[in-house]
Amino acid sequence: MSVERIEADGTNDATAAVVAEALRYYSVAPGVRLNVRSGPGTSYNLVRVLPEGAEVHVYCQSPGTTITGPYGTSNIWDNISNGEYVSDAYVHTGSDGYIAPRCG
């Protein structure tokens, strides 16, 4: 018989794992001020620039313009907020593939 652990705040192990994953942040390449675009590519408008040392949460990912950066060459773009995308080639995700669901 298995026993499910419930935390003091009412969450269980599975919920805690989902919350931990939801709060995962990834580092932008060291020394880089990263352009944030309104869509998955360089033809989209520049929304803002992330400062050096920034960390981002990746909500979903989309294919787009192929970019070469510190972490390789990739056409994957990371959605970091509503209407905000950065090239995955500049984000240290630990993978050269998708690490989040595709954006709808």
Protein backbone atom coordinates (compact mmCIF):
# COMPACT_ATOMS: atom_id res chain seq x y z
CA MET A 1 0.00 0.00 0.00
CA SER A 2 1.42 3.40 -0.98
CA VAL A 3 1.09 6.44 1.20
CA GLU A 4 0.87 9.88 -0.40
CA ARG A 5 2.67 12.59 1.51
CA ILE A 6 0.71 15.82 2.08
CA GLU A 7 2.72 18.95 2.92
CA ALA A 8 1.71 21.43 5.62
CA ASP A 9 0.35 23.77 2.93
CA GLY A 10 -1.97 21.05 1.62
CA THR A 11 0.06 20.10 -1.47
CA ASN A 12 1.20 16.60 -2.26
CA ASP A 13 4.46 15.41 -3.90
CA ALA A 14 3.02 15.61 -7.44
CA THR A 15 1.73 19.15 -6.91
CA ALA A 16 5.06 20.21 -5.40
CA ALA A 17 6.89 18.82 -8.46
CA VAL A 18 4.63 20.78 -10.84
CA VAL A 19 5.11 23.97 -8.83
CA ALA A 20 8.88 23.47 -8.77
CA GLU A 21 8.94 23.01 -12.55
CA ALA A 22 6.68 26.03 -13.04
CA LEU A 23 9.16 28.17 -11.12
CA ARG A 24 12.26 27.05 -13.04
CA TYR A 25 14.35 29.88 -14.44
CA TYR A 26 17.11 29.65 -17.05
CA SER A 27 20.16 31.90 -17.32
CA VAL A 28 20.82 34.09 -20.32
CA ALA A 29 24.38 33.69 -21.67
CA PRO A 30 26.96 35.55 -19.56
CA GLY A 31 27.80 39.06 -20.71
CA VAL A 32 24.81 39.24 -23.08
CA ARG A 33 22.14 41.93 -23.22
CA LEU A 34 19.43 39.91 -24.97
CA ASN A 35 16.86 41.36 -27.38
CA VAL A 36 13.26 40.43 -26.58
CA ARG A 37 10.99 40.27 -29.65
CA SER A 38 7.21 40.35 -30.02
CA GLY A 39 7.30 37.01 -31.88
CA PRO A 40 9.63 34.09 -32.68
CA GLY A 41 12.06 35.79 -35.02
CA THR A 42 14.24 38.76 -35.85
CA SER A 43 11.57 40.27 -38.12
CA TYR A 44 9.32 40.88 -35.09
CA ASN A 45 9.42 44.18 -33.21
CA LEU A 46 11.96 44.70 -30.45
CA VAL A 47 10.00 44.85 -27.17
CA ARG A 48 12.84 45.39 -24.69
CA VAL A 49 16.40 44.30 -23.91
CA LEU A 50 17.21 41.98 -21.01
CA PRO A 51 20.19 43.12 -18.91
CA GLU A 52 23.34 41.07 -18.42
CA GLY A 53 22.82 38.31 -15.86
CA ALA A 54 19.09 37.96 -16.56
CA GLU A 55 17.19 34.75 -15.89
CA VAL A 56 13.99 33.82 -17.72
CA HIS A 57 11.10 31.42 -17.28
CA VAL A 58 10.16 29.58 -20.49
CA TYR A 59 6.37 29.21 -20.76
CA CYS A 60 6.35 27.65 -24.24
CA GLN A 61 8.54 27.49 -27.35
CA SER A 62 8.02 28.13 -31.07
CA PRO A 63 10.04 27.58 -34.22
CA GLY A 64 11.22 30.77 -35.90
CA THR A 65 14.29 32.49 -37.31
CA THR A 66 17.46 30.39 -37.01
CA ILE A 67 20.02 32.08 -34.77
CA THR A 68 23.59 31.17 -33.81
CA GLY A 69 24.54 32.09 -30.26
CA PRO A 70 26.66 30.93 -27.32
CA TYR A 71 24.57 27.77 -26.93
CA GLY A 72 24.61 26.68 -30.56
CA THR A 73 22.47 27.26 -33.62
CA SER A 74 18.71 26.97 -33.14
CA ASN A 75 15.40 27.98 -34.66
CA ILE A 76 13.69 27.58 -31.27
CA TRP A 77 12.35 30.75 -29.64
CA ASP A 78 11.41 30.86 -25.95
CA ASN A 79 8.23 32.62 -24.86
CA ILE A 80 9.22 34.39 -21.62
CA SER A 81 6.05 36.44 -21.14
CA ASN A 82 2.91 37.37 -23.02
CA GLY A 83 4.12 38.52 -26.45
CA GLU A 84 7.81 38.28 -25.53
CA TYR A 85 10.27 35.88 -27.20
CA VAL A 86 14.03 35.34 -27.04
CA SER A 87 16.24 33.06 -29.09
CA ASP A 88 16.93 29.75 -27.35
CA ALA A 89 20.52 29.96 -28.65
CA TYR A 90 21.14 32.53 -25.89
CA VAL A 91 19.35 30.73 -23.03
CA HIS A 92 21.08 27.97 -21.05
CA THR A 93 18.33 25.32 -20.94
CA GLY A 94 20.71 22.35 -20.94
CA SER A 95 19.16 21.04 -24.15
CA ASP A 96 19.40 21.73 -27.87
CA GLY A 97 15.75 20.72 -28.28
CA TYR A 98 12.39 21.70 -26.85
CA ILE A 99 12.17 21.87 -23.05
CA ALA A 100 8.64 23.31 -22.89
CA PRO A 101 5.39 22.77 -24.80
CA ARG A 102 5.01 24.40 -28.20
CA CYS A 103 3.20 27.72 -28.09
CA GLY A 104 -0.39 27.46 -29.26
